[in-house]
């Protein structure tokens, strides 16, 4: 299991700032209408890999603490949440989509890439903190690995009408939820030849990123 804590993003013209104990997220962009941050972590499987065990992921659960919360938002304000779980380290560019665009990893390394868009709609009325999912895409190819780590990365961004045509947003705070990654795996031992070929393939995937 891996977990990243909640992020509080606050706006004081002309920039956003991030408040989050422990520094789990890196601030990428803080301009008035382009807040972005990224957090990474990993689940340690070194004890299993040292015993030459193969891990087959049977269940993968991504749990949210709550929905994203907005303060003083207007209709059209929103955010996106991109989550990747893979058996190689994950870079910012990978959130475009492993296997669909330039990426540091192959699609075969990606267990799951979940991308969600949340927004404040007209149904929220005066309760602008309410948001709902407008769109979600999920991809992922990997099922088995001999890696000693399972990596995860969460990428948050805000789409705001602070700059633009009226009604101009008065959005001044967004709370992104805490996120927990839970893996359900089968662990077993393969024949030496199969295991070595899997290790070789894992190495090749790490050395030859998918650049389609």
C-alpha atoms as a PDB file:
ATOM      1  CA  UNK A   1       0.000   0.000   0.000  1.00  0.00           C
ATOM      2  CA  UNK A   2       1.175   3.539  -0.775  1.00  0.00           C
ATOM      3  CA  UNK A   3      -0.330   6.870   0.158  1.00  0.00           C
ATOM      4  CA  UNK A   4       0.022  10.579  -0.608  1.00  0.00           C
ATOM      5  CA  UNK A   5      -1.572  13.125   1.728  1.00  0.00           C
ATOM      6  CA  UNK A   6      -4.030  15.867   0.776  1.00  0.00           C
ATOM      7  CA  UNK A   7      -2.837  19.081  -0.889  1.00  0.00           C
ATOM      8  CA  UNK A   8      -4.169  22.562  -0.120  1.00  0.00           C
ATOM      9  CA  UNK A   9      -3.651  25.027  -2.979  1.00  0.00           C
ATOM     10  CA  UNK A  10      -4.342  28.713  -2.218  1.00  0.00           C
ATOM     11  CA  UNK A  11      -4.468  31.687  -4.578  1.00  0.00           C
ATOM     12  CA  UNK A  12      -3.273  35.178  -3.734  1.00  0.00           C
ATOM     13  CA  UNK A  13      -2.970  37.263  -6.886  1.00  0.00           C
ATOM     14  CA  UNK A  14      -1.089  36.701  -9.058  1.00  0.00           C
ATOM     15  CA  UNK A  15       0.110  33.213  -8.017  1.00  0.00           C
ATOM     16  CA  UNK A  16      -0.947  29.974  -6.365  1.00  0.00           C
ATOM     17  CA  UNK A  17       0.878  28.515  -3.382  1.00  0.00           C
ATOM     18  CA  UNK A  18       0.859  25.003  -1.953  1.00  0.00           C
ATOM     19  CA  UNK A  19       0.405  24.040   1.681  1.00  0.00           C
ATOM     20  CA  UNK A  20       1.082  20.394   2.403  1.00  0.00           C
ATOM     21  CA  UNK A  21       2.965  18.969   5.401  1.00  0.00           C
ATOM     22  CA  UNK A  22       5.898  16.719   4.597  1.00  0.00           C
ATOM     23  CA  UNK A  23       6.563  18.146   1.132  1.00  0.00           C
ATOM     24  CA  UNK A  24       5.242  15.095  -0.754  1.00  0.00           C
ATOM     25  CA  UNK A  25       4.278  17.260  -3.750  1.00  0.00           C
ATOM     26  CA  UNK A  26       6.487  19.359  -6.002  1.00  0.00           C
ATOM     27  CA  UNK A  27       5.047  22.636  -7.295  1.00  0.00           C
ATOM     28  CA  UNK A  28       5.472  22.790 -11.074  1.00  0.00           C
ATOM     29  CA  UNK A  29       3.461  25.857 -12.087  1.00  0.00           C
ATOM     30  CA  UNK A  30       1.850  28.521  -9.899  1.00  0.00           C
ATOM     31  CA  UNK A  31       0.616  31.180 -12.325  1.00  0.00           C
ATOM     32  CA  UNK A  32      -2.907  32.551 -11.968  1.00  0.00           C
ATOM     33  CA  UNK A  33      -4.601  30.060 -14.283  1.00  0.00           C
ATOM     34  CA  UNK A  34      -2.032  27.246 -14.446  1.00  0.00           C
ATOM     35  CA  UNK A  35      -1.488  25.591 -11.080  1.00  0.00           C
ATOM     36  CA  UNK A  36       0.231  22.176 -11.361  1.00  0.00           C
ATOM     37  CA  UNK A  37       1.920  19.900  -8.844  1.00  0.00           C
ATOM     38  CA  UNK A  38       3.161  16.316  -8.803  1.00  0.00           C
ATOM     39  CA  UNK A  39       3.763  13.762  -6.062  1.00  0.00           C
ATOM     40  CA  UNK A  40       5.524  10.402  -6.283  1.00  0.00           C
ATOM     41  CA  UNK A  41       6.178   7.368  -4.122  1.00  0.00           C
ATOM     42  CA  UNK A  42       6.712   3.629  -4.263  1.00  0.00           C
ATOM     43  CA  UNK A  43       5.729   0.324  -2.683  1.00  0.00           C
ATOM     44  CA  UNK A  44       8.801  -1.661  -1.637  1.00  0.00           C
ATOM     45  CA  UNK A  45       8.929  -5.252  -2.928  1.00  0.00           C
ATOM     46  CA  UNK A  46      12.683  -5.786  -2.450  1.00  0.00           C
ATOM     47  CA  UNK A  47      12.175  -8.690  -0.060  1.00  0.00           C
ATOM     48  CA  UNK A  48      10.251 -10.607  -2.722  1.00  0.00           C
ATOM     49  CA  UNK A  49      12.596  -9.788  -5.605  1.00  0.00           C
ATOM     50  CA  UNK A  50      15.608 -10.923  -3.550  1.00  0.00           C
ATOM     51  CA  UNK A  51      13.926 -14.330  -3.341  1.00  0.00           C
ATOM     52  CA  UNK A  52      13.384 -14.254  -7.133  1.00  0.00           C
ATOM     53  CA  UNK A  53       9.627 -14.098  -6.843  1.00  0.00           C
ATOM     54  CA  UNK A  54       7.293 -12.915  -9.577  1.00  0.00           C
ATOM     55  CA  UNK A  55       4.411 -10.614  -8.651  1.00  0.00           C
ATOM     56  CA  UNK A  56       1.105 -10.852 -10.526  1.00  0.00           C
ATOM     57  CA  UNK A  57      -1.189  -7.898  -9.798  1.00  0.00           C
ATOM     58  CA  UNK A  58      -4.729  -9.239  -9.388  1.00  0.00           C
ATOM     59  CA  UNK A  59      -6.402  -6.171  -7.900  1.00  0.00           C
ATOM     60  CA  UNK A  60      -5.445  -2.500  -7.905  1.00  0.00           C
ATOM     61  CA  UNK A  61      -7.527  -0.039  -5.925  1.00  0.00           C
ATOM     62  CA  UNK A  62      -7.138   3.755  -5.984  1.00  0.00           C
ATOM     63  CA  UNK A  63      -8.913   5.262  -2.988  1.00  0.00           C
ATOM     64  CA  UNK A  64      -9.794   8.941  -2.543  1.00  0.00           C
ATOM     65  CA  UNK A  65     -10.172  10.611   0.842  1.00  0.00           C
ATOM     66  CA  UNK A  66     -12.892  12.873  -0.617  1.00  0.00           C
ATOM     67  CA  UNK A  67     -13.814  14.715  -3.796  1.00  0.00           C
ATOM     68  CA  UNK A  68     -11.762  17.814  -4.712  1.00  0.00           C
ATOM     69  CA  UNK A  69     -13.098  20.837  -2.809  1.00  0.00           C
ATOM     70  CA  UNK A  70     -13.273  24.381  -4.242  1.00  0.00           C
ATOM     71  CA  UNK A  71     -13.727  27.718  -2.450  1.00  0.00           C
ATOM     72  CA  UNK A  72     -15.352  30.775  -4.111  1.00  0.00           C
ATOM     73  CA  UNK A  73     -15.519  29.029  -7.479  1.00  0.00           C
ATOM     74  CA  UNK A  74     -17.775  29.749 -10.447  1.00  0.00           C
ATOM     75  CA  UNK A  75     -19.259  27.424 -13.036  1.00  0.00           C
ATOM     76  CA  UNK A  76     -16.464  26.177 -15.260  1.00  0.00           C
ATOM     77  CA  UNK A  77     -13.739  26.067 -12.631  1.00  0.00           C
ATOM     78  CA  UNK A  78     -12.244  22.620 -12.312  1.00  0.00           C
ATOM     79  CA  UNK A  79      -9.222  20.406 -11.925  1.00  0.00           C
ATOM     80  CA  UNK A  80      -7.681  17.251 -13.301  1.00  0.00           C
ATOM     81  CA  UNK A  81      -6.187  14.320 -11.411  1.00  0.00           C
ATOM     82  CA  UNK A  82      -3.825  11.952 -13.216  1.00  0.00           C
ATOM     83  CA  UNK A  83      -2.562   8.806 -11.456  1.00  0.00           C
ATOM     84  CA  UNK A  84      -0.011   6.321 -12.796  1.00  0.00           C
ATOM     85  CA  UNK A  85       1.089   3.040 -11.211  1.00  0.00           C
ATOM     86  CA  UNK A  86       4.069   1.343 -12.908  1.00  0.00           C
ATOM     87  CA  UNK A  87       7.065  -0.901 -12.291  1.00  0.00           C
ATOM     88  CA  UNK A  88       9.578   1.788 -13.352  1.00  0.00           C
ATOM     89  CA  UNK A  89      10.137   5.373 -12.092  1.00  0.00           C
ATOM     90  CA  UNK A  90       7.554   7.836 -13.411  1.00  0.00           C
ATOM     91  CA  UNK A  91       8.327  11.273 -14.890  1.00  0.00           C
ATOM     92  CA  UNK A  92       6.027  14.253 -15.371  1.00  0.00           C
ATOM     93  CA  UNK A  93       5.862  13.706 -19.135  1.00  0.00           C
ATOM     94  CA  UNK A  94       4.483  10.188 -18.595  1.00  0.00           C
ATOM     95  CA  UNK A  95       1.157  11.681 -17.463  1.00  0.00           C
ATOM     96  CA  UNK A  96       0.421  12.481 -21.115  1.00  0.00           C
ATOM     97  CA  UNK A  97      -0.161   8.744 -21.414  1.00  0.00           C
ATOM     98  CA  UNK A  98       2.352   5.873 -21.685  1.00  0.00           C
ATOM     99  CA  UNK A  99       2.087   4.340 -25.146  1.00  0.00           C
ATOM    100  CA  UNK A 100       0.080   7.238 -26.582  1.00  0.00           C
ATOM    101  CA  UNK A 101       2.720   9.972 -26.656  1.00  0.00           C
ATOM    102  CA  UNK A 102       6.378  10.629 -25.909  1.00  0.00           C
ATOM    103  CA  UNK A 103       7.089   8.942 -22.596  1.00  0.00           C
ATOM    104  CA  UNK A 104       9.985   7.711 -20.483  1.00  0.00           C
ATOM    105  CA  UNK A 105       8.320   4.312 -20.142  1.00  0.00           C
ATOM    106  CA  UNK A 106       6.721   1.686 -22.326  1.00  0.00           C
ATOM    107  CA  UNK A 107       2.998   1.057 -22.088  1.00  0.00           C
ATOM    108  CA  UNK A 108       3.972  -2.452 -20.943  1.00  0.00           C
ATOM    109  CA  UNK A 109       5.415  -0.950 -17.749  1.00  0.00           C
ATOM    110  CA  UNK A 110       2.146   0.778 -16.816  1.00  0.00           C
ATOM    111  CA  UNK A 111      -0.290  -1.078 -14.557  1.00  0.00           C
ATOM    112  CA  UNK A 112      -2.821   1.739 -14.661  1.00  0.00           C
ATOM    113  CA  UNK A 113      -3.119   5.331 -15.842  1.00  0.00           C
ATOM    114  CA  UNK A 114      -6.282   6.984 -14.544  1.00  0.00           C
ATOM    115  CA  UNK A 115      -7.078  10.523 -15.699  1.00  0.00           C
ATOM    116  CA  UNK A 116     -10.090  12.388 -14.298  1.00  0.00           C
ATOM    117  CA  UNK A 117     -11.552  15.847 -14.914  1.00  0.00           C
ATOM    118  CA  UNK A 118     -13.589  17.394 -12.094  1.00  0.00           C
ATOM    119  CA  UNK A 119     -15.560  20.642 -12.367  1.00  0.00           C
ATOM    120  CA  UNK A 120     -18.010  22.942 -10.627  1.00  0.00           C
ATOM    121  CA  UNK A 121     -21.307  22.922 -12.522  1.00  0.00           C
ATOM    122  CA  UNK A 122     -24.451  25.040 -12.547  1.00  0.00           C
ATOM    123  CA  UNK A 123     -26.168  22.473 -10.300  1.00  0.00           C
ATOM    124  CA  UNK A 124     -23.816  23.414  -7.461  1.00  0.00           C
ATOM    125  CA  UNK A 125     -25.703  26.669  -6.986  1.00  0.00           C
ATOM    126  CA  UNK A 126     -24.215  28.729  -4.174  1.00  0.00           C
ATOM    127  CA  UNK A 127     -22.326  25.726  -2.842  1.00  0.00           C
ATOM    128  CA  UNK A 128     -19.342  26.186  -5.131  1.00  0.00           C
ATOM    129  CA  UNK A 129     -17.265  23.706  -3.153  1.00  0.00           C
ATOM    130  CA  UNK A 130     -19.226  20.827  -4.732  1.00  0.00           C
ATOM    131  CA  UNK A 131     -17.521  19.223  -7.730  1.00  0.00           C
ATOM    132  CA  UNK A 132     -18.270  16.220  -9.905  1.00  0.00           C
ATOM    133  CA  UNK A 133     -16.420  14.032 -12.407  1.00  0.00           C
ATOM    134  CA  UNK A 134     -16.998  15.164 -15.976  1.00  0.00           C
ATOM    135  CA  UNK A 135     -14.747  12.620 -17.675  1.00  0.00           C
ATOM    136  CA  UNK A 136     -12.527   9.660 -16.814  1.00  0.00           C
ATOM    137  CA  UNK A 137     -10.150   7.566 -18.908  1.00  0.00           C
ATOM    138  CA  UNK A 138      -8.341   4.429 -17.711  1.00  0.00           C
ATOM    139  CA  UNK A 139      -5.575   2.513 -19.484  1.00  0.00           C
ATOM    140  CA  UNK A 140      -2.899   0.016 -18.460  1.00  0.00           C
ATOM    141  CA  UNK A 141      -1.214  -3.111 -19.793  1.00  0.00           C
ATOM    142  CA  UNK A 142       1.125  -4.552 -17.171  1.00  0.00           C
ATOM    143  CA  UNK A 143       0.094  -7.578 -15.113  1.00  0.00           C
ATOM    144  CA  UNK A 144       3.295  -9.288 -13.917  1.00  0.00           C
ATOM    145  CA  UNK A 145       6.617  -7.903 -12.721  1.00  0.00           C
ATOM    146  CA  UNK A 146       9.876  -8.904 -11.072  1.00  0.00           C
ATOM    147  CA  UNK A 147      10.669  -5.317 -10.085  1.00  0.00           C
ATOM    148  CA  UNK A 148      11.693  -4.594  -6.502  1.00  0.00           C
ATOM    149  CA  UNK A 149       9.425  -1.542  -6.444  1.00  0.00           C
ATOM    150  CA  UNK A 150       5.984  -0.530  -7.646  1.00  0.00           C
ATOM    151  CA  UNK A 151       6.014   3.215  -8.347  1.00  0.00           C
ATOM    152  CA  UNK A 152       3.074   5.614  -8.270  1.00  0.00           C
ATOM    153  CA  UNK A 153       2.709   9.244  -9.294  1.00  0.00           C
ATOM    154  CA  UNK A 154      -0.156  11.721  -8.845  1.00  0.00           C
ATOM    155  CA  UNK A 155      -0.403  14.856 -10.980  1.00  0.00           C
ATOM    156  CA  UNK A 156      -2.821  17.646 -10.002  1.00  0.00           C
ATOM    157  CA  UNK A 157      -3.733  20.708 -12.070  1.00  0.00           C
ATOM    158  CA  UNK A 158      -6.313  23.476 -11.751  1.00  0.00           C
ATOM    159  CA  UNK A 159      -8.320  24.944 -14.626  1.00  0.00           C
ATOM    160  CA  UNK A 160      -9.669  28.297 -13.474  1.00  0.00           C
ATOM    161  CA  UNK A 161     -11.448  31.252 -15.048  1.00  0.00           C
ATOM    162  CA  UNK A 162      -9.507  33.706 -12.868  1.00  0.00           C
ATOM    163  CA  UNK A 163      -8.271  35.138 -16.170  1.00  0.00           C
ATOM    164  CA  UNK A 164     -10.701  35.157 -19.081  1.00  0.00           C
ATOM    165  CA  UNK A 165     -14.145  36.232 -20.171  1.00  0.00           C
ATOM    166  CA  UNK A 166     -16.816  36.994 -17.527  1.00  0.00           C
ATOM    167  CA  UNK A 167     -17.968  35.630 -15.216  1.00  0.00           C
ATOM    168  CA  UNK A 168     -14.402  35.781 -13.946  1.00  0.00           C
ATOM    169  CA  UNK A 169     -13.747  33.326 -11.155  1.00  0.00           C
ATOM    170  CA  UNK A 170     -13.027  34.297  -7.572  1.00  0.00           C
ATOM    171  CA  UNK A 171     -11.586  30.832  -6.896  1.00  0.00           C
ATOM    172  CA  UNK A 172      -9.019  31.132  -4.121  1.00  0.00           C
ATOM    173  CA  UNK A 173      -8.582  27.625  -2.683  1.00  0.00           C
ATOM    174  CA  UNK A 174      -8.653  24.013  -3.868  1.00  0.00           C
ATOM    175  CA  UNK A 175      -8.159  20.983  -1.643  1.00  0.00           C
ATOM    176  CA  UNK A 176      -7.026  17.888  -3.515  1.00  0.00           C
ATOM    177  CA  UNK A 177      -7.837  14.678  -1.610  1.00  0.00           C
ATOM    178  CA  UNK A 178      -5.447  12.262  -0.010  1.00  0.00           C
ATOM    179  CA  UNK A 179      -4.920   9.276  -2.318  1.00  0.00           C
ATOM    180  CA  UNK A 180      -4.152   5.682  -1.369  1.00  0.00           C
ATOM    181  CA  UNK A 181      -2.850   2.983  -3.730  1.00  0.00           C
ATOM    182  CA  UNK A 182      -3.732  -0.593  -2.663  1.00  0.00           C
ATOM    183  CA  UNK A 183      -2.301  -3.591  -4.544  1.00  0.00           C
ATOM    184  CA  UNK A 184      -3.640  -7.113  -4.350  1.00  0.00           C
ATOM    185  CA  UNK A 185      -0.998  -9.510  -5.686  1.00  0.00           C
ATOM    186  CA  UNK A 186      -0.252 -13.179  -6.151  1.00  0.00           C
ATOM    187  CA  UNK A 187       3.375 -14.094  -5.462  1.00  0.00           C
ATOM    188  CA  UNK A 188       4.895 -17.202  -7.006  1.00  0.00           C
ATOM    189  CA  UNK A 189       8.148 -18.694  -8.238  1.00  0.00           C
ATOM    190  CA  UNK A 190       8.745 -19.316 -11.939  1.00  0.00           C
ATOM    191  CA  UNK A 191      11.211 -21.622 -13.625  1.00  0.00           C
ATOM    192  CA  UNK A 192      14.689 -20.103 -13.803  1.00  0.00           C
ATOM    193  CA  UNK A 193      14.603 -19.610 -17.576  1.00  0.00           C
ATOM    194  CA  UNK A 194      11.194 -17.908 -17.539  1.00  0.00           C
ATOM    195  CA  UNK A 195      12.232 -15.710 -14.622  1.00  0.00           C
ATOM    196  CA  UNK A 196      15.477 -14.640 -16.332  1.00  0.00           C
ATOM    197  CA  UNK A 197      13.629 -13.837 -19.554  1.00  0.00           C
ATOM    198  CA  UNK A 198      11.130 -11.744 -17.604  1.00  0.00           C
ATOM    199  CA  UNK A 199      14.006  -9.903 -15.916  1.00  0.00           C
ATOM    200  CA  UNK A 200      15.618  -9.307 -19.308  1.00  0.00           C
ATOM    201  CA  UNK A 201      12.371  -7.989 -20.751  1.00  0.00           C
ATOM    202  CA  UNK A 202      11.878  -5.673 -17.756  1.00  0.00           C
ATOM    203  CA  UNK A 203      15.391  -4.296 -18.316  1.00  0.00           C
ATOM    204  CA  UNK A 204      14.736  -3.750 -22.032  1.00  0.00           C
ATOM    205  CA  UNK A 205      11.503  -1.874 -21.291  1.00  0.00           C
ATOM    206  CA  UNK A 206      13.343   0.435 -18.910  1.00  0.00           C
ATOM    207  CA  UNK A 207      16.131   1.100 -21.431  1.00  0.00           C
ATOM    208  CA  UNK A 208      13.842   1.616 -24.439  1.00  0.00           C
ATOM    209  CA  UNK A 209      11.060   4.095 -23.620  1.00  0.00           C
ATOM    210  CA  UNK A 210       7.978   4.086 -25.803  1.00  0.00           C
ATOM    211  CA  UNK A 211       8.272   7.086 -28.156  1.00  0.00           C
ATOM    212  CA  UNK A 212       5.399   6.356 -30.550  1.00  0.00           C
END
